[in-house]
Amino acid sequence: QVQLVESGGGLVQAGGSLRLSCTASGRTFSAYNKAWFRQAPGKEREFVAGVTWGGGTTTYADSVKGRFTISRDNAKNAVYLQMNSLKPDDTAVYYCATGPRVTRATMTDSRQYDYWGQGTQVTVSS
C-alpha cells in the first residue's frame, strides 16, 4: 500500500511560480512510474506530467510544456512539479498519482493509477 501527500499549492499571480511536492509512504513507491494530474471546477481530471521510476523519461501535456518540470527523488520517496510562468488556466486541484500498472505508454491514462493523493489547490490570479 502506498499513501501520497501533496503540498506546495497556494495562490499566485499570473507569471509566478510554485513548486508542488508529493511524498509517499511505502517502500515500493520508488519502483513505480509517477505523475501529476489536475482537475479544474466543472472539468475532467487531466494529465499534467509524468516521470518513469528511474527518471529517464518525462512526459508533459502540451499545455504545460516548457513551463512545468517534473522530477523525482527516490531516496526521499518524493516527486515534484516545478511550475513556472503560471496562467489563470492552470488553476486547479493538483494530484500526484502512482501505481504498479502504469507503463511509459499508459502514463497519461488516469485509469492506470492505483494510488492518489488528496490534492493540493493551485489558484492563479490574473
N, C-alpha and C. Protein backbone atom coordinates (compact mmCIF):
# COMPACT_ATOMS: atom_id res chain seq x y z
N GLN A 1 0.84 -1.18 0.00
CA GLN A 1 0.00 0.00 0.00
C GLN A 1 0.89 1.24 0.00
N VAL A 2 0.47 2.24 -0.76
CA VAL A 2 1.20 3.50 -0.86
C VAL A 2 0.25 4.63 -0.50
N GLN A 3 0.70 5.51 0.36
CA GLN A 3 -0.07 6.71 0.69
C GLN A 3 0.71 7.93 0.20
N LEU A 4 0.00 8.84 -0.45
CA LEU A 4 0.63 10.02 -1.05
C LEU A 4 0.08 11.28 -0.41
N VAL A 5 0.98 12.23 -0.15
CA VAL A 5 0.58 13.50 0.44
C VAL A 5 1.21 14.63 -0.37
N GLU A 6 0.36 15.49 -0.94
CA GLU A 6 0.85 16.63 -1.71
C GLU A 6 0.95 17.87 -0.83
N SER A 7 1.83 18.77 -1.23
CA SER A 7 1.95 20.07 -0.56
C SER A 7 2.51 21.07 -1.56
N GLY A 8 2.44 22.35 -1.18
CA GLY A 8 3.05 23.38 -2.00
C GLY A 8 2.10 24.22 -2.81
N GLY A 9 0.82 23.88 -2.78
CA GLY A 9 -0.15 24.69 -3.51
C GLY A 9 -0.37 26.04 -2.84
N GLY A 10 -1.11 26.90 -3.54
CA GLY A 10 -1.39 28.21 -2.98
C GLY A 10 -1.92 29.15 -4.03
N LEU A 11 -1.94 30.43 -3.66
CA LEU A 11 -2.41 31.49 -4.54
C LEU A 11 -1.20 32.24 -5.08
N VAL A 12 -1.16 32.41 -6.39
CA VAL A 12 -0.04 33.10 -7.02
C VAL A 12 -0.58 33.94 -8.17
N GLN A 13 0.12 35.03 -8.47
CA GLN A 13 -0.28 35.86 -9.60
C GLN A 13 0.19 35.24 -10.91
N ALA A 14 -0.48 35.57 -11.97
CA ALA A 14 -0.07 35.10 -13.29
C ALA A 14 1.38 35.48 -13.55
N GLY A 15 2.13 34.53 -14.11
CA GLY A 15 3.55 34.73 -14.34
C GLY A 15 4.43 34.24 -13.22
N GLY A 16 3.82 33.91 -12.09
CA GLY A 16 4.57 33.44 -10.94
C GLY A 16 4.89 31.97 -11.01
N SER A 17 5.49 31.47 -9.92
CA SER A 17 5.94 30.08 -9.85
C SER A 17 5.49 29.42 -8.55
N LEU A 18 5.32 28.13 -8.62
CA LEU A 18 5.07 27.30 -7.44
C LEU A 18 5.79 25.97 -7.63
N ARG A 19 6.15 25.35 -6.53
CA ARG A 19 6.73 24.01 -6.57
C ARG A 19 5.89 23.09 -5.70
N LEU A 20 5.29 22.10 -6.35
CA LEU A 20 4.50 21.11 -5.64
C LEU A 20 5.37 19.93 -5.26
N SER A 21 5.10 19.38 -4.09
CA SER A 21 5.80 18.19 -3.63
C SER A 21 4.80 17.10 -3.31
N CYS A 22 5.22 15.88 -3.50
CA CYS A 22 4.40 14.72 -3.15
C CYS A 22 5.31 13.72 -2.48
N THR A 23 5.02 13.42 -1.24
CA THR A 23 5.81 12.43 -0.53
C THR A 23 4.97 11.19 -0.29
N ALA A 24 5.65 10.06 -0.26
CA ALA A 24 4.95 8.78 -0.19
C ALA A 24 5.44 7.91 0.94
N SER A 25 4.52 7.15 1.48
CA SER A 25 4.89 6.08 2.39
C SER A 25 4.85 4.79 1.60
N GLY A 26 5.60 3.81 2.01
CA GLY A 26 5.63 2.56 1.26
C GLY A 26 6.89 2.47 0.43
N ARG A 27 7.66 1.44 0.66
CA ARG A 27 8.98 1.33 0.03
C ARG A 27 8.91 1.02 -1.45
N THR A 28 7.75 0.60 -1.96
CA THR A 28 7.65 0.28 -3.38
C THR A 28 7.42 1.51 -4.25
N PHE A 29 7.21 2.68 -3.63
CA PHE A 29 6.93 3.90 -4.40
C PHE A 29 8.03 4.16 -5.40
N SER A 30 9.27 3.96 -5.01
CA SER A 30 10.38 4.29 -5.90
C SER A 30 10.39 3.43 -7.15
N ALA A 31 9.72 2.31 -7.12
CA ALA A 31 9.74 1.38 -8.26
C ALA A 31 8.64 1.67 -9.27
N TYR A 32 7.79 2.63 -8.99
CA TYR A 32 6.64 2.91 -9.87
C TYR A 32 6.86 4.18 -10.69
N ASN A 33 6.26 4.20 -11.85
CA ASN A 33 6.16 5.45 -12.59
C ASN A 33 5.19 6.38 -11.85
N LYS A 34 5.38 7.68 -12.03
CA LYS A 34 4.61 8.64 -11.24
C LYS A 34 4.12 9.77 -12.14
N ALA A 35 3.08 10.45 -11.68
CA ALA A 35 2.55 11.53 -12.50
C ALA A 35 1.82 12.55 -11.64
N TRP A 36 1.61 13.71 -12.26
CA TRP A 36 0.74 14.74 -11.71
C TRP A 36 -0.45 14.88 -12.65
N PHE A 37 -1.62 14.97 -12.06
CA PHE A 37 -2.85 15.28 -12.76
C PHE A 37 -3.45 16.53 -12.12
N ARG A 38 -4.42 17.12 -12.80
CA ARG A 38 -5.12 18.26 -12.22
C ARG A 38 -6.59 18.22 -12.62
N GLN A 39 -7.40 18.86 -11.80
CA GLN A 39 -8.83 18.94 -12.10
C GLN A 39 -9.34 20.32 -11.73
N ALA A 40 -9.83 21.01 -12.74
CA ALA A 40 -10.42 22.33 -12.54
C ALA A 40 -11.93 22.17 -12.31
N PRO A 41 -12.56 23.15 -11.68
CA PRO A 41 -14.01 23.06 -11.43
C PRO A 41 -14.79 22.83 -12.71
N GLY A 42 -15.66 21.83 -12.69
CA GLY A 42 -16.50 21.55 -13.84
C GLY A 42 -15.81 20.84 -14.99
N LYS A 43 -14.55 20.47 -14.79
CA LYS A 43 -13.80 19.78 -15.85
C LYS A 43 -13.34 18.41 -15.38
N GLU A 44 -13.00 17.58 -16.35
CA GLU A 44 -12.49 16.26 -16.01
C GLU A 44 -11.03 16.36 -15.56
N ARG A 45 -10.62 15.36 -14.82
CA ARG A 45 -9.23 15.29 -14.40
C ARG A 45 -8.35 15.08 -15.64
N GLU A 46 -7.24 15.82 -15.71
CA GLU A 46 -6.38 15.72 -16.87
C GLU A 46 -4.92 15.50 -16.47
N PHE A 47 -4.22 14.81 -17.34
CA PHE A 47 -2.80 14.54 -17.15
C PHE A 47 -2.01 15.84 -17.29
N VAL A 48 -1.01 16.01 -16.42
CA VAL A 48 -0.14 17.18 -16.50
C VAL A 48 1.28 16.78 -16.87
N ALA A 49 1.85 15.86 -16.10
CA ALA A 49 3.24 15.46 -16.34
C ALA A 49 3.49 14.11 -15.69
N GLY A 50 4.41 13.34 -16.27
CA GLY A 50 4.75 12.05 -15.72
C GLY A 50 6.24 11.79 -15.83
N VAL A 51 6.73 10.90 -14.96
CA VAL A 51 8.15 10.54 -14.96
C VAL A 51 8.28 9.06 -14.68
N THR A 52 9.17 8.39 -15.40
CA THR A 52 9.41 6.99 -15.15
C THR A 52 10.15 6.80 -13.83
N TRP A 53 10.08 5.59 -13.30
CA TRP A 53 10.63 5.35 -11.97
C TRP A 53 12.12 5.68 -11.90
N GLY A 54 12.84 5.44 -12.98
CA GLY A 54 14.26 5.73 -12.98
C GLY A 54 14.57 7.17 -13.34
N GLY A 55 13.55 7.91 -13.71
CA GLY A 55 13.74 9.31 -14.05
C GLY A 55 14.23 9.56 -15.45
N GLY A 56 14.36 8.51 -16.25
CA GLY A 56 14.94 8.69 -17.56
C GLY A 56 14.01 9.29 -18.59
N THR A 57 12.71 9.18 -18.36
CA THR A 57 11.73 9.68 -19.33
C THR A 57 10.70 10.54 -18.62
N THR A 58 10.45 11.70 -19.18
CA THR A 58 9.39 12.57 -18.70
C THR A 58 8.42 12.85 -19.84
N THR A 59 7.18 13.05 -19.48
CA THR A 59 6.12 13.31 -20.46
C THR A 59 5.29 14.47 -19.93
N TYR A 60 4.89 15.37 -20.85
CA TYR A 60 4.13 16.55 -20.45
C TYR A 60 2.91 16.75 -21.34
N ALA A 61 1.88 17.28 -20.75
CA ALA A 61 0.76 17.75 -21.55
C ALA A 61 1.21 18.95 -22.37
N ASP A 62 0.65 19.10 -23.55
CA ASP A 62 1.06 20.20 -24.42
C ASP A 62 0.86 21.55 -23.75
N SER A 63 -0.15 21.65 -22.92
CA SER A 63 -0.49 22.93 -22.30
C SER A 63 0.54 23.40 -21.28
N VAL A 64 1.41 22.49 -20.83
CA VAL A 64 2.39 22.88 -19.81
C VAL A 64 3.83 22.73 -20.27
N LYS A 65 4.04 22.22 -21.47
CA LYS A 65 5.41 22.03 -21.97
C LYS A 65 6.17 23.34 -21.98
N GLY A 66 7.40 23.27 -21.49
CA GLY A 66 8.23 24.46 -21.45
C GLY A 66 8.02 25.32 -20.22
N ARG A 67 6.98 25.03 -19.45
CA ARG A 67 6.69 25.82 -18.23
C ARG A 67 6.81 24.98 -16.96
N PHE A 68 6.42 23.70 -17.06
CA PHE A 68 6.44 22.81 -15.89
C PHE A 68 7.56 21.79 -16.03
N THR A 69 8.10 21.38 -14.88
CA THR A 69 9.13 20.34 -14.86
C THR A 69 8.83 19.35 -13.75
N ILE A 70 8.76 18.08 -14.11
CA ILE A 70 8.54 17.03 -13.12
C ILE A 70 9.89 16.39 -12.80
N SER A 71 10.07 16.05 -11.54
CA SER A 71 11.28 15.35 -11.13
C SER A 71 10.94 14.43 -9.96
N ARG A 72 11.84 13.51 -9.69
CA ARG A 72 11.60 12.59 -8.58
C ARG A 72 12.88 12.36 -7.82
N ASP A 73 12.74 12.03 -6.55
CA ASP A 73 13.87 11.71 -5.70
C ASP A 73 13.52 10.41 -5.00
N ASN A 74 13.99 9.31 -5.52
CA ASN A 74 13.60 8.01 -4.97
C ASN A 74 14.12 7.82 -3.55
N ALA A 75 15.24 8.43 -3.24
CA ALA A 75 15.80 8.30 -1.89
C ALA A 75 14.90 8.95 -0.86
N LYS A 76 14.17 9.99 -1.29
CA LYS A 76 13.26 10.70 -0.39
C LYS A 76 11.81 10.27 -0.60
N ASN A 77 11.58 9.30 -1.47
CA ASN A 77 10.21 8.87 -1.78
C ASN A 77 9.35 10.07 -2.16
N ALA A 78 9.83 10.86 -3.08
CA ALA A 78 9.15 12.10 -3.42
C ALA A 78 9.14 12.34 -4.93
N VAL A 79 8.13 13.06 -5.36
CA VAL A 79 8.04 13.54 -6.73
C VAL A 79 7.64 15.01 -6.65
N TYR A 80 8.16 15.81 -7.57
CA TYR A 80 7.97 17.26 -7.53
C TYR A 80 7.41 17.76 -8.86
N LEU A 81 6.78 18.91 -8.80
CA LEU A 81 6.33 19.59 -10.01
C LEU A 81 6.68 21.07 -9.88
N GLN A 82 7.68 21.50 -10.62
CA GLN A 82 8.04 22.90 -10.66
C GLN A 82 7.20 23.58 -11.73
N MET A 83 6.46 24.60 -11.34
CA MET A 83 5.54 25.27 -12.25
C MET A 83 5.95 26.72 -12.38
N ASN A 84 6.34 27.09 -13.59
CA ASN A 84 6.75 28.47 -13.87
C ASN A 84 5.79 29.11 -14.87
N SER A 85 5.86 30.41 -14.96
CA SER A 85 5.02 31.16 -15.91
C SER A 85 3.56 30.74 -15.80
N LEU A 86 3.07 30.69 -14.61
CA LEU A 86 1.71 30.21 -14.37
C LEU A 86 0.67 31.12 -15.00
N LYS A 87 -0.41 30.50 -15.44
CA LYS A 87 -1.51 31.19 -16.09
C LYS A 87 -2.80 30.93 -15.31
N PRO A 88 -3.79 31.80 -15.44
CA PRO A 88 -5.07 31.53 -14.77
C PRO A 88 -5.67 30.17 -15.15
N ASP A 89 -5.43 29.72 -16.38
CA ASP A 89 -5.94 28.41 -16.81
C ASP A 89 -5.29 27.25 -16.06
N ASP A 90 -4.21 27.50 -15.35
CA ASP A 90 -3.58 26.45 -14.56
C ASP A 90 -4.27 26.24 -13.22
N THR A 91 -5.23 27.07 -12.90
CA THR A 91 -5.96 26.95 -11.64
C THR A 91 -6.70 25.61 -11.59
N ALA A 92 -6.41 24.84 -10.54
CA ALA A 92 -7.00 23.50 -10.41
C ALA A 92 -6.52 22.89 -9.09
N VAL A 93 -7.12 21.76 -8.76
CA VAL A 93 -6.56 20.91 -7.71
C VAL A 93 -5.59 19.95 -8.38
N TYR A 94 -4.38 19.90 -7.84
CA TYR A 94 -3.33 19.06 -8.42
C TYR A 94 -3.15 17.81 -7.57
N TYR A 95 -3.08 16.67 -8.25
CA TYR A 95 -2.94 15.38 -7.60
C TYR A 95 -1.69 14.66 -8.08
N CYS A 96 -0.98 14.02 -7.18
CA CYS A 96 0.05 13.10 -7.63
C CYS A 96 -0.52 11.69 -7.60
N ALA A 97 0.02 10.85 -8.43
CA ALA A 97 -0.51 9.50 -8.58
C ALA A 97 0.61 8.55 -8.97
N THR A 98 0.40 7.28 -8.63
CA THR A 98 1.38 6.26 -8.97
C THR A 98 0.71 4.89 -8.90
N GLY A 99 1.44 3.88 -9.25
CA GLY A 99 0.89 2.53 -9.17
C GLY A 99 1.68 1.56 -10.01
N PRO A 100 1.55 0.29 -9.71
CA PRO A 100 2.34 -0.73 -10.40
C PRO A 100 1.92 -1.01 -11.83
N ARG A 101 0.71 -0.58 -12.22
CA ARG A 101 0.22 -0.89 -13.57
C ARG A 101 0.60 0.16 -14.60
N VAL A 102 1.18 1.25 -14.14
CA VAL A 102 1.47 2.35 -15.07
C VAL A 102 2.74 2.04 -15.86
N THR A 103 2.64 2.12 -17.17
CA THR A 103 3.80 1.95 -18.02
C THR A 103 4.10 3.29 -18.70
N ARG A 104 5.23 3.35 -19.38
CA ARG A 104 5.55 4.56 -20.10
C ARG A 104 4.48 4.88 -21.15
N ALA A 105 3.93 3.83 -21.75
CA ALA A 105 2.93 4.03 -22.80
C ALA A 105 1.58 4.48 -22.25
N THR A 106 1.29 4.13 -21.00
CA THR A 106 -0.03 4.43 -20.43
C THR A 106 0.01 5.55 -19.41
N MET A 107 1.09 6.28 -19.34
CA MET A 107 1.30 7.25 -18.27
C MET A 107 0.24 8.34 -18.25
N THR A 108 -0.35 8.67 -19.38
CA THR A 108 -1.33 9.76 -19.41
C THR A 108 -2.74 9.29 -19.04
N ASP A 109 -2.93 8.01 -18.84
CA ASP A 109 -4.26 7.43 -18.59
C ASP A 109 -4.50 7.32 -17.08
N SER A 110 -5.40 8.13 -16.56
CA SER A 110 -5.64 8.14 -15.11
C SER A 110 -6.17 6.80 -14.60
N ARG A 111 -6.77 6.01 -15.47
CA ARG A 111 -7.34 4.73 -15.05
C ARG A 111 -6.28 3.71 -14.67
N GLN A 112 -5.05 3.97 -15.05
CA GLN A 112 -3.96 3.02 -14.75
C GLN A 112 -3.37 3.22 -13.36
N TYR A 113 -3.76 4.28 -12.69
CA TYR A 113 -3.14 4.63 -11.42
C TYR A 113 -3.97 4.09 -10.25
N ASP A 114 -3.30 3.45 -9.33
CA ASP A 114 -3.98 2.86 -8.18
C ASP A 114 -3.91 3.72 -6.93
N TYR A 115 -2.93 4.59 -6.86
CA TYR A 115 -2.72 5.39 -5.65
C TYR A 115 -2.76 6.87 -6.00
N TRP A 116 -3.54 7.61 -5.21
CA TRP A 116 -3.72 9.05 -5.43
C TRP A 116 -3.56 9.79 -4.11
N GLY A 117 -3.02 10.99 -4.20
CA GLY A 117 -3.00 11.87 -3.05
C GLY A 117 -4.33 12.57 -2.89
N GLN A 118 -4.43 13.40 -1.86
CA GLN A 118 -5.69 14.10 -1.58
C GLN A 118 -5.84 15.38 -2.40
N GLY A 119 -4.76 15.81 -3.00
CA GLY A 119 -4.81 17.01 -3.85
C GLY A 119 -4.37 18.26 -3.12
N THR A 120 -3.84 19.20 -3.88
CA THR A 120 -3.46 20.50 -3.35
C THR A 120 -3.96 21.57 -4.33
N GLN A 121 -4.56 22.62 -3.79
CA GLN A 121 -5.18 23.64 -4.62
C GLN A 121 -4.13 24.63 -5.12
N VAL A 122 -4.18 24.88 -6.42
CA VAL A 122 -3.36 25.93 -7.04
C VAL A 122 -4.31 26.93 -7.67
N THR A 123 -4.18 28.18 -7.28
CA THR A 123 -5.01 29.25 -7.82
C THR A 123 -4.11 30.33 -8.39
N VAL A 124 -4.33 30.65 -9.67
CA VAL A 124 -3.54 31.66 -10.35
C VAL A 124 -4.45 32.83 -10.68
N SER A 125 -4.13 33.98 -10.14
CA SER A 125 -4.95 35.17 -10.36
C SER A 125 -4.39 35.96 -11.54
N SER A 126 -5.30 36.62 -12.23
CA SER A 126 -4.89 37.39 -13.42
C SER A 126 -4.54 38.82 -13.06
